[in-house]
PDB file of N, CA and C in Angstrom:
ATOM      1  N   MET A   1     -20.900  -5.748  53.100  1.00  0.00           N
ATOM      2  CA  MET A   1     -20.186  -5.115  54.152  1.00  0.00           C
ATOM      3  C   MET A   1     -21.087  -4.039  54.781  1.00  0.00           C
ATOM      4  N   SER A   2     -21.004  -3.939  56.111  1.00  0.00           N
ATOM      5  CA  SER A   2     -21.842  -2.926  56.796  1.00  0.00           C
ATOM      6  C   SER A   2     -21.361  -1.526  56.377  1.00  0.00           C
ATOM      7  N   PRO A   3     -22.270  -0.550  56.490  1.00  0.00           N
ATOM      8  CA  PRO A   3     -21.910   0.832  56.106  1.00  0.00           C
ATOM      9  C   PRO A   3     -20.684   1.380  56.787  1.00  0.00           C
ATOM     10  N   ASP A   4     -20.416   0.920  58.045  1.00  0.00           N
ATOM     11  CA  ASP A   4     -19.216   1.437  58.728  1.00  0.00           C
ATOM     12  C   ASP A   4     -17.965   0.637  58.421  1.00  0.00           C
ATOM     13  N   GLY A   5     -18.107  -0.418  57.583  1.00  0.00           N
ATOM     14  CA  GLY A   5     -16.968  -1.228  57.173  1.00  0.00           C
ATOM     15  C   GLY A   5     -16.434  -2.212  58.232  1.00  0.00           C
ATOM     16  N   ARG A   6     -17.162  -2.393  59.315  1.00  0.00           N
ATOM     17  CA  ARG A   6     -16.673  -3.257  60.370  1.00  0.00           C
ATOM     18  C   ARG A   6     -17.152  -4.702  60.260  1.00  0.00           C
ATOM     19  N   TRP A   7     -18.278  -4.927  59.616  1.00  0.00           N
ATOM     20  CA  TRP A   7     -18.917  -6.233  59.603  1.00  0.00           C
ATOM     21  C   TRP A   7     -19.186  -6.696  58.162  1.00  0.00           C
ATOM     22  N   VAL A   8     -19.204  -8.032  57.991  1.00  0.00           N
ATOM     23  CA  VAL A   8     -19.586  -8.667  56.739  1.00  0.00           C
ATOM     24  C   VAL A   8     -20.698  -9.626  57.061  1.00  0.00           C
ATOM     25  N   ALA A   9     -21.760  -9.588  56.282  1.00  0.00           N
ATOM     26  CA  ALA A   9     -22.846 -10.560  56.399  1.00  0.00           C
ATOM     27  C   ALA A   9     -22.778 -11.479  55.180  1.00  0.00           C
ATOM     28  N   PHE A  10     -22.898 -12.764  55.382  1.00  0.00           N
ATOM     29  CA  PHE A  10     -22.799 -13.696  54.253  1.00  0.00           C
ATOM     30  C   PHE A  10     -23.700 -14.922  54.505  1.00  0.00           C
ATOM     31  N   VAL A  11     -23.964 -15.619  53.450  1.00  0.00           N
ATOM     32  CA  VAL A  11     -24.801 -16.832  53.527  1.00  0.00           C
ATOM     33  C   VAL A  11     -23.882 -18.028  53.443  1.00  0.00           C
ATOM     34  N   SER A  12     -24.140 -19.024  54.331  1.00  0.00           N
ATOM     35  CA  SER A  12     -23.353 -20.259  54.329  1.00  0.00           C
ATOM     36  C   SER A  12     -24.273 -21.437  54.667  1.00  0.00           C
ATOM     37  N   THR A  13     -23.845 -22.619  54.221  1.00  0.00           N
ATOM     38  CA  THR A  13     -24.534 -23.871  54.548  1.00  0.00           C
ATOM     39  C   THR A  13     -23.746 -24.673  55.590  1.00  0.00           C
ATOM     40  N   ARG A  14     -22.853 -24.066  56.298  1.00  0.00           N
ATOM     41  CA  ARG A  14     -21.987 -24.787  57.230  1.00  0.00           C
ATOM     42  C   ARG A  14     -22.727 -25.562  58.294  1.00  0.00           C
ATOM     43  N   ASP A  15     -23.948 -25.102  58.668  1.00  0.00           N
ATOM     44  CA  ASP A  15     -24.708 -25.800  59.736  1.00  0.00           C
ATOM     45  C   ASP A  15     -26.067 -26.299  59.189  1.00  0.00           C
ATOM     46  N   GLY A  16     -26.159 -26.535  57.899  1.00  0.00           N
ATOM     47  CA  GLY A  16     -27.418 -27.067  57.326  1.00  0.00           C
ATOM     48  C   GLY A  16     -27.890 -26.163  56.194  1.00  0.00           C
ATOM     49  N   PRO A  17     -29.135 -25.633  56.294  1.00  0.00           N
ATOM     50  CA  PRO A  17     -29.673 -24.804  55.206  1.00  0.00           C
ATOM     51  C   PRO A  17     -28.915 -23.483  55.098  1.00  0.00           C
ATOM     52  N   HIS A  18     -29.211 -22.767  54.040  1.00  0.00           N
ATOM     53  CA  HIS A  18     -28.539 -21.496  53.814  1.00  0.00           C
ATOM     54  C   HIS A  18     -28.978 -20.500  54.882  1.00  0.00           C
ATOM     55  N   ASP A  19     -28.063 -20.106  55.693  1.00  0.00           N
ATOM     56  CA  ASP A  19     -28.336 -19.163  56.782  1.00  0.00           C
ATOM     57  C   ASP A  19     -27.382 -17.983  56.721  1.00  0.00           C
ATOM     58  N   VAL A  20     -27.782 -16.896  57.367  1.00  0.00           N
ATOM     59  CA  VAL A  20     -26.989 -15.682  57.375  1.00  0.00           C
ATOM     60  C   VAL A  20     -26.051 -15.675  58.587  1.00  0.00           C
ATOM     61  N   TYR A  21     -24.805 -15.339  58.362  1.00  0.00           N
ATOM     62  CA  TYR A  21     -23.781 -15.218  59.392  1.00  0.00           C
ATOM     63  C   TYR A  21     -23.178 -13.820  59.305  1.00  0.00           C
ATOM     64  N   ARG A  22     -22.661 -13.383  60.408  1.00  0.00           N
ATOM     65  CA  ARG A  22     -21.995 -12.081  60.450  1.00  0.00           C
ATOM     66  C   ARG A  22     -20.630 -12.259  61.150  1.00  0.00           C
ATOM     67  N   MET A  23     -19.619 -11.544  60.637  1.00  0.00           N
ATOM     68  CA  MET A  23     -18.293 -11.540  61.274  1.00  0.00           C
ATOM     69  C   MET A  23     -17.625 -10.214  61.020  1.00  0.00           C
ATOM     70  N   ARG A  24     -16.658  -9.910  61.851  1.00  0.00           N
ATOM     71  CA  ARG A  24     -15.879  -8.727  61.637  1.00  0.00           C
ATOM     72  C   ARG A  24     -15.047  -8.860  60.359  1.00  0.00           C
ATOM     73  N   THR A  25     -14.643  -7.785  59.769  1.00  0.00           N
ATOM     74  CA  THR A  25     -13.898  -7.839  58.546  1.00  0.00           C
ATOM     75  C   THR A  25     -12.500  -8.503  58.717  1.00  0.00           C
ATOM     76  N   ASP A  26     -12.030  -8.590  59.990  1.00  0.00           N
ATOM     77  CA  ASP A  26     -10.761  -9.265  60.212  1.00  0.00           C
ATOM     78  C   ASP A  26     -10.940 -10.767  60.368  1.00  0.00           C
ATOM     79  N   GLY A  27     -12.227 -11.265  60.278  1.00  0.00           N
ATOM     80  CA  GLY A  27     -12.483 -12.690  60.351  1.00  0.00           C
ATOM     81  C   GLY A  27     -12.895 -13.169  61.735  1.00  0.00           C
ATOM     82  N   SER A  28     -12.865 -12.295  62.740  1.00  0.00           N
ATOM     83  CA  SER A  28     -13.226 -12.679  64.116  1.00  0.00           C
ATOM     84  C   SER A  28     -14.707 -12.426  64.336  1.00  0.00           C
ATOM     85  N   GLY A  29     -15.184 -12.963  65.459  1.00  0.00           N
ATOM     86  CA  GLY A  29     -16.554 -12.673  65.901  1.00  0.00           C
ATOM     87  C   GLY A  29     -17.653 -13.301  65.059  1.00  0.00           C
ATOM     88  N   LEU A  30     -17.438 -14.504  64.533  1.00  0.00           N
ATOM     89  CA  LEU A  30     -18.429 -15.174  63.711  1.00  0.00           C
ATOM     90  C   LEU A  30     -19.686 -15.469  64.526  1.00  0.00           C
ATOM     91  N   VAL A  31     -20.841 -15.068  63.991  1.00  0.00           N
ATOM     92  CA  VAL A  31     -22.160 -15.299  64.668  1.00  0.00           C
ATOM     93  C   VAL A  31     -23.133 -15.777  63.581  1.00  0.00           C
ATOM     94  N   GLN A  32     -23.892 -16.833  63.883  1.00  0.00           N
ATOM     95  CA  GLN A  32     -24.960 -17.278  63.028  1.00  0.00           C
ATOM     96  C   GLN A  32     -26.186 -16.442  63.398  1.00  0.00           C
ATOM     97  N   LEU A  33     -26.752 -15.746  62.385  1.00  0.00           N
ATOM     98  CA  LEU A  33     -27.923 -14.829  62.668  1.00  0.00           C
ATOM     99  C   LEU A  33     -29.246 -15.478  62.389  1.00  0.00           C
ATOM    100  N   THR A  34     -29.323 -16.426  61.480  1.00  0.00           N
ATOM    101  CA  THR A  34     -30.602 -17.102  61.217  1.00  0.00           C
ATOM    102  C   THR A  34     -30.415 -18.580  61.386  1.00  0.00           C
ATOM    103  N   ARG A  35     -31.530 -19.290  61.636  1.00  0.00           N
ATOM    104  CA  ARG A  35     -31.501 -20.753  61.769  1.00  0.00           C
ATOM    105  C   ARG A  35     -32.662 -21.342  60.995  1.00  0.00           C
ATOM    106  N   GLY A  36     -32.326 -22.125  59.934  1.00  0.00           N
ATOM    107  CA  GLY A  36     -33.342 -22.834  59.182  1.00  0.00           C
ATOM    108  C   GLY A  36     -34.186 -21.927  58.294  1.00  0.00           C
ATOM    109  N   LEU A  37     -33.739 -20.758  58.002  1.00  0.00           N
ATOM    110  CA  LEU A  37     -34.503 -19.834  57.179  1.00  0.00           C
ATOM    111  C   LEU A  37     -34.358 -20.078  55.669  1.00  0.00           C
ATOM    112  N   ASP A  38     -33.329 -20.850  55.300  1.00  0.00           N
ATOM    113  CA  ASP A  38     -33.005 -21.111  53.895  1.00  0.00           C
ATOM    114  C   ASP A  38     -32.937 -19.814  53.094  1.00  0.00           C
ATOM    115  N   VAL A  39     -32.001 -19.004  53.526  1.00  0.00           N
ATOM    116  CA  VAL A  39     -31.827 -17.660  52.957  1.00  0.00           C
ATOM    117  C   VAL A  39     -31.192 -17.729  51.561  1.00  0.00           C
ATOM    118  N   TRP A  40     -31.741 -16.958  50.673  1.00  0.00           N
ATOM    119  CA  TRP A  40     -31.152 -16.853  49.349  1.00  0.00           C
ATOM    120  C   TRP A  40     -29.992 -15.873  49.471  1.00  0.00           C
ATOM    121  N   SER A  41     -29.187 -15.757  48.490  1.00  0.00           N
ATOM    122  CA  SER A  41     -27.934 -15.031  48.608  1.00  0.00           C
ATOM    123  C   SER A  41     -28.110 -13.511  48.845  1.00  0.00           C
ATOM    124  N   GLN A  42     -29.283 -12.964  48.542  1.00  0.00           N
ATOM    125  CA  GLN A  42     -29.471 -11.538  48.704  1.00  0.00           C
ATOM    126  C   GLN A  42     -29.620 -11.164  50.185  1.00  0.00           C
ATOM    127  N   ARG A  43     -28.938 -10.182  50.585  1.00  0.00           N
ATOM    128  CA  ARG A  43     -29.116  -9.582  51.903  1.00  0.00           C
ATOM    129  C   ARG A  43     -28.550  -8.148  51.771  1.00  0.00           C
ATOM    130  N   SER A  44     -29.085  -7.253  52.574  1.00  0.00           N
ATOM    131  CA  SER A  44     -28.681  -5.861  52.450  1.00  0.00           C
ATOM    132  C   SER A  44     -28.706  -5.208  53.806  1.00  0.00           C
ATOM    133  N   TRP A  45     -27.724  -4.351  54.063  1.00  0.00           N
ATOM    134  CA  TRP A  45     -27.634  -3.625  55.309  1.00  0.00           C
ATOM    135  C   TRP A  45     -28.500  -2.364  55.195  1.00  0.00           C
ATOM    136  N   SER A  46     -29.106  -1.940  56.284  1.00  0.00           N
ATOM    137  CA  SER A  46     -29.751  -0.649  56.319  1.00  0.00           C
ATOM    138  C   SER A  46     -28.691   0.425  56.286  1.00  0.00           C
ATOM    139  N   PRO A  47     -28.998   1.626  55.840  1.00  0.00           N
ATOM    140  CA  PRO A  47     -27.982   2.666  55.759  1.00  0.00           C
ATOM    141  C   PRO A  47     -27.286   2.950  57.068  1.00  0.00           C
ATOM    142  N   ASP A  48     -27.981   2.793  58.214  1.00  0.00           N
ATOM    143  CA  ASP A  48     -27.331   3.057  59.491  1.00  0.00           C
ATOM    144  C   ASP A  48     -26.611   1.817  60.047  1.00  0.00           C
ATOM    145  N   GLY A  49     -26.694   0.670  59.343  1.00  0.00           N
ATOM    146  CA  GLY A  49     -25.994  -0.554  59.756  1.00  0.00           C
ATOM    147  C   GLY A  49     -26.638  -1.300  60.896  1.00  0.00           C
ATOM    148  N   ARG A  50     -27.815  -0.893  61.327  1.00  0.00           N
ATOM    149  CA  ARG A  50     -28.465  -1.519  62.485  1.00  0.00           C
ATOM    150  C   ARG A  50     -29.372  -2.669  62.116  1.00  0.00           C
ATOM    151  N   ARG A  51     -29.737  -2.796  60.843  1.00  0.00           N
ATOM    152  CA  ARG A  51     -30.632  -3.872  60.399  1.00  0.00           C
ATOM    153  C   ARG A  51     -30.143  -4.534  59.113  1.00  0.00           C
ATOM    154  N   LEU A  52     -30.612  -5.745  58.922  1.00  0.00           N
ATOM    155  CA  LEU A  52     -30.354  -6.504  57.688  1.00  0.00           C
ATOM    156  C   LEU A  52     -31.641  -6.895  57.092  1.00  0.00           C
ATOM    157  N   LEU A  53     -31.771  -6.775  55.765  1.00  0.00           N
ATOM    158  CA  LEU A  53     -32.887  -7.242  55.017  1.00  0.00           C
ATOM    159  C   LEU A  53     -32.475  -8.534  54.341  1.00  0.00           C
ATOM    160  N   VAL A  54     -33.225  -9.604  54.488  1.00  0.00           N
ATOM    161  CA  VAL A  54     -32.839 -10.907  53.913  1.00  0.00           C
ATOM    162  C   VAL A  54     -34.067 -11.483  53.193  1.00  0.00           C
ATOM    163  N   PHE A  55     -33.761 -12.341  52.219  1.00  0.00           N
ATOM    164  CA  PHE A  55     -34.773 -13.035  51.442  1.00  0.00           C
ATOM    165  C   PHE A  55     -34.635 -14.539  51.671  1.00  0.00           C
ATOM    166  N   GLY A  56     -35.704 -15.152  52.126  1.00  0.00           N
ATOM    167  CA  GLY A  56     -35.625 -16.591  52.434  1.00  0.00           C
ATOM    168  C   GLY A  56     -36.923 -17.304  52.099  1.00  0.00           C
ATOM    169  N   SER A  57     -36.918 -18.623  52.371  1.00  0.00           N
ATOM    170  CA  SER A  57     -38.074 -19.458  52.009  1.00  0.00           C
ATOM    171  C   SER A  57     -38.405 -20.451  53.124  1.00  0.00           C
ATOM    172  N   ALA A  58     -38.462 -20.018  54.347  1.00  0.00           N
ATOM    173  CA  ALA A  58     -38.820 -20.929  55.456  1.00  0.00           C
ATOM    174  C   ALA A  58     -40.194 -21.505  55.230  1.00  0.00           C
ATOM    175  N   THR A  59     -41.063 -20.802  54.579  1.00  0.00           N
ATOM    176  CA  THR A  59     -42.435 -21.277  54.351  1.00  0.00           C
ATOM    177  C   THR A  59     -42.580 -22.023  53.037  1.00  0.00           C
ATOM    178  N   GLY A  60     -41.476 -22.124  52.271  1.00  0.00           N
ATOM    179  CA  GLY A  60     -41.521 -22.741  50.966  1.00  0.00           C
ATOM    180  C   GLY A  60     -41.761 -21.718  49.845  1.00  0.00           C
ATOM    181  N   LEU A  61     -42.100 -20.525  50.247  1.00  0.00           N
ATOM    182  CA  LEU A  61     -42.319 -19.418  49.282  1.00  0.00           C
ATOM    183  C   LEU A  61     -41.298 -18.329  49.581  1.00  0.00           C
ATOM    184  N   MET A  62     -40.979 -17.539  48.552  1.00  0.00           N
ATOM    185  CA  MET A  62     -40.064 -16.433  48.775  1.00  0.00           C
ATOM    186  C   MET A  62     -40.655 -15.432  49.754  1.00  0.00           C
ATOM    187  N   GLU A  63     -39.869 -15.126  50.780  1.00  0.00           N
ATOM    188  CA  GLU A  63     -40.302 -14.189  51.823  1.00  0.00           C
ATOM    189  C   GLU A  63     -39.225 -13.130  51.993  1.00  0.00           C
ATOM    190  N   VAL A  64     -39.635 -12.013  52.536  1.00  0.00           N
ATOM    191  CA  VAL A  64     -38.683 -10.905  52.852  1.00  0.00           C
ATOM    192  C   VAL A  64     -38.747 -10.720  54.349  1.00  0.00           C
ATOM    193  N   TYR A  65     -37.569 -10.701  54.985  1.00  0.00           N
ATOM    194  CA  TYR A  65     -37.437 -10.524  56.455  1.00  0.00           C
ATOM    195  C   TYR A  65     -36.532  -9.333  56.723  1.00  0.00           C
ATOM    196  N   VAL A  66     -36.727  -8.758  57.891  1.00  0.00           N
ATOM    197  CA  VAL A  66     -35.806  -7.768  58.420  1.00  0.00           C
ATOM    198  C   VAL A  66     -35.433  -8.192  59.840  1.00  0.00           C
ATOM    199  N   MET A  67     -34.233  -7.920  60.227  1.00  0.00           N
ATOM    200  CA  MET A  67     -33.774  -8.241  61.606  1.00  0.00           C
ATOM    201  C   MET A  67     -32.717  -7.240  61.992  1.00  0.00           C
ATOM    202  N   ARG A  68     -32.479  -7.170  63.295  1.00  0.00           N
ATOM    203  CA  ARG A  68     -31.375  -6.356  63.797  1.00  0.00           C
ATOM    204  C   ARG A  68     -30.071  -7.006  63.314  1.00  0.00           C
ATOM    205  N   ALA A  69     -29.035  -6.222  63.210  1.00  0.00           N
ATOM    206  CA  ALA A  69     -27.741  -6.713  62.721  1.00  0.00           C
ATOM    207  C   ALA A  69     -27.147  -7.766  63.640  1.00  0.00           C
ATOM    208  N   ASP A  70     -27.641  -7.887  64.869  1.00  0.00           N
ATOM    209  CA  ASP A  70     -27.152  -8.934  65.758  1.00  0.00           C
ATOM    210  C   ASP A  70     -28.005 -10.186  65.684  1.00  0.00           C
ATOM    211  N   GLY A  71     -28.992 -10.220  64.747  1.00  0.00           N
ATOM    212  CA  GLY A  71     -29.844 -11.366  64.558  1.00  0.00           C
ATOM    213  C   GLY A  71     -31.145 -11.341  65.322  1.00  0.00           C
ATOM    214  N   ALA A  72     -31.306 -10.405  66.233  1.00  0.00           N
ATOM    215  CA  ALA A  72     -32.518 -10.353  67.067  1.00  0.00           C
ATOM    216  C   ALA A  72     -33.680  -9.729  66.262  1.00  0.00           C
ATOM    217  N   ASP A  73     -34.876  -9.972  66.726  1.00  0.00           N
ATOM    218  CA  ASP A  73     -36.103  -9.360  66.176  1.00  0.00           C
ATOM    219  C   ASP A  73     -36.321  -9.686  64.707  1.00  0.00           C
ATOM    220  N   LEU A  74     -36.115 -10.927  64.301  1.00  0.00           N
ATOM    221  CA  LEU A  74     -36.393 -11.354  62.933  1.00  0.00           C
ATOM    222  C   LEU A  74     -37.897 -11.189  62.685  1.00  0.00           C
ATOM    223  N   THR A  75     -38.246 -10.415  61.659  1.00  0.00           N
ATOM    224  CA  THR A  75     -39.644 -10.115  61.360  1.00  0.00           C
ATOM    225  C   THR A  75     -39.905 -10.374  59.886  1.00  0.00           C
ATOM    226  N   ARG A  76     -40.912 -11.183  59.603  1.00  0.00           N
ATOM    227  CA  ARG A  76     -41.302 -11.436  58.206  1.00  0.00           C
ATOM    228  C   ARG A  76     -42.140 -10.236  57.702  1.00  0.00           C
ATOM    229  N   LEU A  77     -41.772  -9.671  56.565  1.00  0.00           N
ATOM    230  CA  LEU A  77     -42.488  -8.535  56.018  1.00  0.00           C
ATOM    231  C   LEU A  77     -43.497  -8.874  54.988  1.00  0.00           C
ATOM    232  N   THR A  78     -43.436 -10.064  54.423  1.00  0.00           N
ATOM    233  CA  THR A  78     -44.411 -10.507  53.386  1.00  0.00           C
ATOM    234  C   THR A  78     -45.364 -11.485  54.008  1.00  0.00           C
ATOM    235  N   GLY A  79     -46.482 -11.698  53.287  1.00  0.00           N
ATOM    236  CA  GLY A  79     -47.559 -12.493  53.832  1.00  0.00           C
ATOM    237  C   GLY A  79     -47.523 -13.971  53.597  1.00  0.00           C
ATOM    238  N   GLY A  80     -46.531 -14.474  52.876  1.00  0.00           N
ATOM    239  CA  GLY A  80     -46.415 -15.910  52.649  1.00  0.00           C
ATOM    240  C   GLY A  80     -47.472 -16.467  51.696  1.00  0.00           C
ATOM    241  N   ARG A  81     -47.974 -15.643  50.830  1.00  0.00           N
ATOM    242  CA  ARG A  81     -48.974 -16.141  49.857  1.00  0.00           C
ATOM    243  C   ARG A  81     -48.303 -16.410  48.512  1.00  0.00           C
ATOM    244  N   GLU A  82     -48.713 -17.493  47.892  1.00  0.00           N
ATOM    245  CA  GLU A  82     -48.173 -17.846  46.566  1.00  0.00           C
ATOM    246  C   GLU A  82     -48.388 -16.730  45.615  1.00  0.00           C
ATOM    247  N   GLY A  83     -47.391 -16.449  44.778  1.00  0.00           N
ATOM    248  CA  GLY A  83     -47.501 -15.402  43.788  1.00  0.00           C
ATOM    249  C   GLY A  83     -46.877 -14.088  44.256  1.00  0.00           C
ATOM    250  N   GLU A  84     -46.583 -13.954  45.548  1.00  0.00           N
ATOM    251  CA  GLU A  84     -45.896 -12.729  45.978  1.00  0.00           C
ATOM    252  C   GLU A  84     -44.454 -12.797  45.523  1.00  0.00           C
ATOM    253  N   ARG A  85     -43.997 -11.756  44.937  1.00  0.00           N
ATOM    254  CA  ARG A  85     -42.633 -11.715  44.464  1.00  0.00           C
ATOM    255  C   ARG A  85     -41.987 -10.393  44.827  1.00  0.00           C
TER     256      ARG A  85
END
């Protein structure tokens, strides 16, 4: 749940691989935030609620990504080298 209690981010396979979705706590406003990232279940909100940290394997290796809470500006933080954990 976001720090302000308004949003929930979750992982689902409803459209293929494990992707991150966001919706209001009342169940409205469902938005798919990632596409084909194969996100693992871990995700975390930044303290101000403006960003999400997610763990995925689009490259076949565990990667760490950060993005805005609306799904924009997805940025890979790790280098995609084998052995990074």
